[in-house]
Each structure stands twice: as C-alpha cells, then as structure tokens.
Amino acid sequence: MTAHPARVGAALAVAAMVCVQLGLAVAIGLIGRIGAEGAAWLRVAWAGVLLLGLVRPRPSAFTRATLGICVLLGLVTAFTTMLFMAALARIPMGTASALEFLGPLAVAVVSGRGRGRWVWPALAAVGVAALTQPAQGAIDLVGVGFALGAAVCWAAYILLTQRVGDRVSGLQSLGVSMPVAAVTVTAAVGWAVLPRMTPDMIVIGLGLALLLPIAPFVLELLALRRLNTAAFGTLMSLEPALALLIGFVVVHQVPNSWAIFGVGFVVAAGIGAARAGTRDTPTPVQPG
C-alpha cells in the first residue's frame, strides 16, 4: 500500500530536523577542539565547495540584481552560522535553538493575517523569559546575544531567500550564496582557524557539511513537494523541542523545568504563527 503523501512529507521534514540537530551536536563536540569559529568554518567551507560542485551555477541564470541578492544571502548565511556556533559554545542547544527561532517567528507574524497573529510574539516572549531568567542571571547573556543576533540574520535569510527564490530557478542561488558564505567565513576567521586544522578534522568537517546543510536541504525539498507551507512551517516549529531532546540525549545537556517550559511556549508560538503566516505563493525551501 502506498503511503499517504502528507505522512511521507511529515516524515521527511522530521528527518531533516533530526539531521540539523545531530549536525549541531557534532559541531558542539568540535567546539572544544577547534573553537566555535573553527566549527563554523568547517561547516560552511565544505558546504560551499560541495554546492558549488553539485549546482555549477550558470551566469545566464542571474541578472545583476539577483546575483547581488545571492551574494547578500551568502553574507547573511555566514554571519548566521558564526553567531549560532558562538551561542552554542556558551548556552545549551535547546535554548540557543529556541532563541534563534525567534527570527522565523517574527517573519511569520509580520507576514501573517489578522490581529490575532500578534498573540504569538507575546507567547514567545514568555518562553524567552523562562529560558533566560533575566532576573536571576542564570544564563550567559553573551551567549543569548549571539543567539539573538543569529535570529536577526535568520529572519533576513528567509526574506532574501523568498526574493531570490521567486526570481532564480532551481538551486542556482545556493550555488552562489554558499560559496560566498564560505569565502566570508574564511576571510573572517580563517587566519585563526586554519593552523588548528588536522586531517581528521577536515574529514569530520566533510561529514558535518553533508549532515548540515546538504542532507536537510534535500529532505526539506522533498517534504515541500508533499506538504503545503502551513503544514511544513508547523512541523518545523517543533525544532526547538527537538534540539532540547537531542541536546539531552547526545550532548548530555540536562534541561531544567524552566527551559522545558520556555521551549514549549516558543514552539506553541511558532505553530500558531506558521498557521497564520502562509504565503499565497509557495515559500522557497530554507536549507537546514
């Protein structure tokens, strides 16, 4: 019996999220050896090389304007990765993921319909307060700042992806943006990172790039062929909860009750915003 397309799509979306979070768990293990900037460089550099080789972008696929957007997208991708890796070096996976998720949540709320959509930021704010407990100073505020910076970059990434996705066919935009991201991260931290690289680190970096973002991108692309954007967005809203779970199982980061409570509120806000923020035209996939 053939599986229902929606169930297959949901399974693919969940598999994509698992790849993302496992990739982040691997990156956390690397941070102790080569630093947050080293983990960011390995992830982005290999992804840039692989996508450049796989996609082989054609100059004819771009106008001057769309090429400029792809370059800007690459810059945003680089800063998103570096900021989030810096956050993971200081705060737990679940907390970092929930804070970064505020970026897509903000985009969904602003692009949504109806006055009721403004309840979701309030719900998310409760979750953030529970996660960070500002009155008690129980969390590294620098790490929180890095995660919020990554959230701003992720919001910009989504808006730029939507623009370029409406104008550039297929994967051509990724064939430009990821190599630009790789060059940007190399220019920013390569001088500090490259002396730390060993042959085994290079091989691990290749595996990390396949796990995040190559595999999630393919899985999300297949999922979006079977799900509408509201259903896909709702499923992806579960990612902070999955980050909390994988952080506990793989990295042994034990969440306290406030963290569980806070992630629950952020997930609920994400589900609500995703339901209210569907585009009239299909939303381009966002890798990983």
Protein backbone atom coordinates (compact mmCIF):
# COMPACT_ATOMS: atom_id res chain seq x y z
CA MET A 1 0.00 0.00 0.00
CA THR A 2 1.34 3.43 -0.96
CA ALA A 3 1.94 5.77 1.97
CA HIS A 4 -0.11 8.95 2.13
CA PRO A 5 1.92 11.88 0.68
CA ALA A 6 1.31 14.04 3.76
CA ARG A 7 2.67 11.33 6.07
CA VAL A 8 5.72 10.85 3.86
CA GLY A 9 6.24 14.62 3.78
CA ALA A 10 5.96 14.86 7.55
CA ALA A 11 8.48 12.03 7.98
CA LEU A 12 10.89 13.77 5.60
CA ALA A 13 10.51 17.08 7.45
CA VAL A 14 11.21 15.40 10.78
CA ALA A 15 14.23 13.61 9.28
CA ALA A 16 15.53 16.99 8.08
CA MET A 17 15.21 18.43 11.58
CA VAL A 18 16.98 15.41 13.07
CA CYS A 19 19.87 15.91 10.62
CA VAL A 20 20.10 19.59 11.59
CA GLN A 21 20.19 18.91 15.31
CA LEU A 22 22.58 15.97 15.02
CA GLY A 23 24.84 18.18 12.94
CA LEU A 24 24.73 20.82 15.66
CA ALA A 25 25.50 18.17 18.29
CA VAL A 26 28.57 17.14 16.27
CA ALA A 27 29.55 20.81 16.00
CA ILE A 28 29.35 21.20 19.77
CA GLY A 29 31.81 18.32 20.09
CA LEU A 30 34.16 20.12 17.70
CA ILE A 31 33.94 23.43 19.55
CA GLY A 32 36.03 22.06 22.39
CA ARG A 33 38.80 21.12 19.94
CA ILE A 34 38.84 23.93 17.37
CA GLY A 35 36.61 26.63 18.86
CA ALA A 36 33.24 27.96 17.73
CA GLU A 37 34.81 29.75 14.79
CA GLY A 38 36.54 26.54 13.68
CA ALA A 39 33.29 24.57 13.78
CA ALA A 40 31.56 27.32 11.79
CA TRP A 41 34.35 27.39 9.21
CA LEU A 42 34.34 23.61 8.68
CA ARG A 43 30.58 23.53 8.23
CA VAL A 44 30.35 26.43 5.80
CA ALA A 45 33.58 25.86 3.85
CA TRP A 46 32.74 22.28 2.93
CA ALA A 47 29.10 23.17 2.18
CA GLY A 48 30.31 25.91 -0.17
CA VAL A 49 32.66 23.55 -2.01
CA LEU A 50 30.07 20.78 -2.29
CA LEU A 51 27.24 23.02 -3.51
CA LEU A 52 29.48 24.79 -5.99
CA GLY A 53 30.41 21.42 -7.46
CA LEU A 54 26.90 19.98 -7.38
CA VAL A 55 24.98 23.00 -8.66
CA ARG A 56 27.56 24.57 -11.00
CA PRO A 57 25.75 27.92 -11.23
CA ARG A 58 25.24 29.32 -14.73
CA PRO A 59 25.80 33.05 -15.32
CA SER A 60 22.75 33.07 -17.59
CA ALA A 61 20.53 32.15 -14.60
CA PHE A 62 21.15 35.53 -12.95
CA THR A 63 20.56 39.17 -13.57
CA ARG A 64 22.76 41.77 -11.91
CA ALA A 65 20.06 42.29 -9.26
CA THR A 66 19.54 38.60 -8.46
CA LEU A 67 23.28 37.97 -8.33
CA GLY A 68 23.59 40.80 -5.82
CA ILE A 69 20.82 39.27 -3.69
CA CYS A 70 22.59 35.89 -3.77
CA VAL A 71 25.84 37.49 -2.64
CA LEU A 72 23.99 39.25 0.20
CA LEU A 73 22.33 35.93 1.06
CA GLY A 74 25.76 34.36 1.32
CA LEU A 75 26.95 37.07 3.70
CA VAL A 76 23.88 36.59 5.89
CA THR A 77 24.39 32.81 5.86
CA ALA A 78 27.97 33.25 7.03
CA PHE A 79 27.04 35.52 9.93
CA THR A 80 24.09 33.30 10.93
CA THR A 81 26.42 30.32 11.20
CA MET A 82 29.20 32.12 13.07
CA LEU A 83 26.81 33.72 15.55
CA PHE A 84 24.93 30.50 16.23
CA MET A 85 28.11 28.48 16.72
CA ALA A 86 29.30 31.16 19.16
CA ALA A 87 25.97 30.82 21.00
CA LEU A 88 26.31 27.01 21.20
CA ALA A 89 29.70 27.46 22.85
CA ARG A 90 28.03 29.32 25.72
CA ILE A 91 24.41 28.16 26.14
CA PRO A 92 22.54 24.82 25.74
CA MET A 93 21.32 23.64 22.32
CA GLY A 94 17.63 23.85 23.18
CA THR A 95 17.91 27.41 24.46
CA ALA A 96 20.03 28.56 21.51
CA SER A 97 17.66 26.95 19.01
CA ALA A 98 14.59 28.49 20.64
CA LEU A 99 16.15 31.95 20.67
CA GLU A 100 17.30 31.66 17.05
CA PHE A 101 13.79 30.52 16.08
CA LEU A 102 12.50 33.96 17.05
CA GLY A 103 13.78 35.16 13.64
CA PRO A 104 11.47 32.99 11.51
CA LEU A 105 8.71 33.55 14.05
CA ALA A 106 8.97 37.32 13.56
CA VAL A 107 8.82 36.91 9.78
CA ALA A 108 5.75 34.67 10.05
CA VAL A 109 3.98 37.12 12.38
CA VAL A 110 4.70 40.18 10.24
CA SER A 111 3.64 38.42 7.04
CA GLY A 112 0.56 36.85 8.64
CA ARG A 113 -3.04 37.91 8.56
CA GLY A 114 -5.43 39.11 11.23
CA ARG A 115 -4.95 40.88 14.52
CA GLY A 116 -4.81 37.60 16.38
CA ARG A 117 -1.34 36.90 14.99
CA TRP A 118 0.16 39.37 17.49
CA VAL A 119 -0.58 36.98 20.34
CA TRP A 120 2.28 34.75 19.17
CA PRO A 121 5.11 37.21 19.95
CA ALA A 122 3.67 37.62 23.45
CA LEU A 123 3.65 33.85 23.88
CA ALA A 124 7.22 33.66 22.61
CA ALA A 125 8.27 36.44 25.00
CA VAL A 126 7.05 34.37 27.93
CA GLY A 127 9.08 31.46 26.63
CA VAL A 128 12.21 33.58 26.24
CA ALA A 129 11.82 34.94 29.76
CA ALA A 130 11.59 31.38 31.08
CA LEU A 131 14.63 30.30 29.06
CA THR A 132 16.88 33.20 30.06
CA GLN A 133 15.54 34.04 33.56
CA PRO A 134 16.98 37.57 33.36
CA ALA A 135 16.13 38.44 36.95
CA GLN A 136 18.26 35.58 38.27
CA GLY A 137 21.17 35.95 35.86
CA ALA A 138 21.06 32.17 35.38
CA ILE A 139 22.30 32.14 31.79
CA ASP A 140 25.24 33.52 29.82
CA LEU A 141 23.93 36.79 28.42
CA VAL A 142 26.69 36.96 25.82
CA GLY A 143 25.51 33.59 24.50
CA VAL A 144 21.94 34.90 24.46
CA GLY A 145 23.13 37.92 22.49
CA PHE A 146 24.84 35.67 19.93
CA ALA A 147 21.67 33.58 19.55
CA LEU A 148 19.50 36.68 19.11
CA GLY A 149 21.96 38.00 16.54
CA ALA A 150 21.61 34.69 14.69
CA ALA A 151 17.82 35.11 14.89
CA VAL A 152 18.03 38.52 13.18
CA CYS A 153 20.26 37.04 10.47
CA TRP A 154 17.93 34.08 10.01
CA ALA A 155 14.98 36.44 9.51
CA ALA A 156 17.00 38.31 6.87
CA TYR A 157 17.95 34.97 5.31
CA ILE A 158 14.29 33.98 4.92
CA LEU A 159 13.32 37.31 3.36
CA LEU A 160 16.25 37.19 0.94
CA THR A 161 15.55 33.53 0.09
CA GLN A 162 11.96 34.43 -0.73
CA ARG A 163 13.12 37.22 -3.03
CA VAL A 164 15.72 35.20 -4.86
CA GLY A 165 13.54 32.08 -4.94
CA ASP A 166 10.89 33.99 -6.88
CA ARG A 167 13.46 35.07 -9.48
CA VAL A 168 16.09 32.31 -9.79
CA SER A 169 15.21 28.78 -10.85
CA GLY A 170 16.20 25.59 -9.07
CA LEU A 171 19.24 25.51 -6.82
CA GLN A 172 21.22 28.13 -8.72
CA SER A 173 21.01 30.65 -5.87
CA LEU A 174 22.61 28.17 -3.43
CA GLY A 175 25.41 27.58 -5.90
CA VAL A 176 26.35 31.24 -5.39
CA SER A 177 25.30 32.01 -1.81
CA MET A 178 27.06 29.09 -0.10
CA PRO A 179 30.45 29.67 -1.78
CA VAL A 180 30.12 33.36 -0.87
CA ALA A 181 29.40 32.29 2.73
CA ALA A 182 32.46 30.03 2.68
CA VAL A 183 34.70 32.85 1.43
CA THR A 184 33.23 35.24 4.02
CA VAL A 185 33.82 32.90 6.97
CA THR A 186 37.33 32.15 5.70
CA ALA A 187 38.11 35.86 5.45
CA ALA A 188 36.69 36.48 8.95
CA VAL A 189 38.25 33.61 10.91
CA GLY A 190 40.46 31.63 8.55
CA TRP A 191 43.66 33.18 9.92
CA ALA A 192 42.82 31.77 13.37
CA VAL A 193 41.22 28.50 12.25
CA LEU A 194 43.45 27.09 9.53
CA PRO A 195 46.50 26.48 11.81
CA ARG A 196 44.29 24.30 14.04
CA MET A 197 43.11 22.04 11.23
CA THR A 198 44.29 18.44 11.14
CA PRO A 199 43.49 15.77 8.51
CA ASP A 200 40.91 14.11 10.76
CA MET A 201 39.22 17.47 11.36
CA ILE A 202 38.95 18.05 7.61
CA VAL A 203 37.26 14.66 7.15
CA ILE A 204 34.90 15.30 10.06
CA GLY A 205 34.08 18.66 8.51
CA LEU A 206 33.05 16.94 5.27
CA GLY A 207 30.70 14.67 7.20
CA LEU A 208 29.34 17.65 9.10
CA ALA A 209 28.60 19.53 5.87
CA LEU A 210 26.75 16.50 4.49
CA LEU A 211 24.72 16.26 7.70
CA LEU A 212 24.16 20.01 7.86
CA PRO A 213 23.10 21.60 5.48
CA ILE A 214 23.23 19.22 2.46
CA ALA A 215 21.01 16.38 3.78
CA PRO A 216 18.43 18.69 5.42
CA PHE A 217 18.13 20.72 2.23
CA VAL A 218 17.36 17.63 0.12
CA LEU A 219 14.92 16.26 2.70
CA GLU A 220 13.13 19.60 3.07
CA LEU A 221 12.88 19.94 -0.70
CA LEU A 222 11.25 16.50 -0.92
CA ALA A 223 8.97 17.30 2.04
CA LEU A 224 7.73 20.54 0.45
CA ARG A 225 6.63 18.59 -2.61
CA ARG A 226 4.17 16.73 -0.39
CA LEU A 227 3.16 19.38 2.20
CA ASN A 228 1.71 22.87 1.96
CA THR A 229 3.75 25.64 3.56
CA ALA A 230 1.46 25.91 6.60
CA ALA A 231 1.90 22.23 7.43
CA PHE A 232 5.63 22.42 6.77
CA GLY A 233 6.01 25.52 8.93
CA THR A 234 4.06 23.88 11.73
CA LEU A 235 6.33 20.85 11.69
CA MET A 236 9.49 22.95 11.59
CA SER A 237 8.21 24.86 14.62
CA LEU A 238 8.94 21.73 16.62
CA GLU A 239 12.69 22.15 16.01
CA PRO A 240 13.50 23.89 19.33
CA ALA A 241 11.88 20.98 21.19
CA LEU A 242 13.86 18.50 19.11
CA ALA A 243 17.03 20.50 19.87
CA LEU A 244 16.26 20.17 23.58
CA LEU A 245 15.79 16.41 23.22
CA ILE A 246 18.93 15.79 21.13
CA GLY A 247 20.93 18.09 23.38
CA PHE A 248 19.88 15.89 26.30
CA VAL A 249 20.44 12.51 24.57
CA VAL A 250 23.59 13.23 22.55
CA VAL A 251 25.36 16.10 24.32
CA HIS A 252 24.04 15.28 27.83
CA GLN A 253 22.72 18.81 28.37
CA VAL A 254 20.07 18.27 31.05
CA PRO A 255 17.34 20.95 30.81
CA ASN A 256 15.74 22.34 33.93
CA SER A 257 11.98 22.81 34.25
CA TRP A 258 12.22 26.48 33.19
CA ALA A 259 13.97 25.51 29.95
CA ILE A 260 11.32 22.91 29.13
CA PHE A 261 8.59 25.42 29.91
CA GLY A 262 10.22 28.13 27.82
CA VAL A 263 10.84 25.93 24.78
CA GLY A 264 7.21 24.76 24.98
CA PHE A 265 5.98 28.35 24.75
CA VAL A 266 8.29 29.16 21.83
CA VAL A 267 7.14 26.03 19.98
CA ALA A 268 3.49 26.91 20.59
CA ALA A 269 4.10 30.43 19.28
CA GLY A 270 5.85 29.03 16.21
CA ILE A 271 2.99 26.66 15.40
CA GLY A 272 0.44 29.45 15.74
CA ALA A 273 2.46 31.88 13.64
CA ALA A 274 3.10 29.26 10.94
CA ARG A 275 -0.63 28.65 10.62
CA ALA A 276 -1.29 32.37 10.23
CA GLY A 277 1.69 33.24 8.05
CA THR A 278 1.28 31.14 4.90
CA ARG A 279 2.21 32.87 1.66
CA ASP A 280 -0.18 32.97 -1.27
CA THR A 281 2.65 31.58 -3.43
CA PRO A 282 4.89 28.69 -2.38
CA THR A 283 7.63 29.56 0.05
CA PRO A 284 11.14 28.56 -1.09
CA VAL A 285 12.83 25.93 0.98
CA GLN A 286 15.38 27.13 3.53
CA PRO A 287 18.22 24.65 3.89
CA GLY A 288 18.80 23.45 7.42
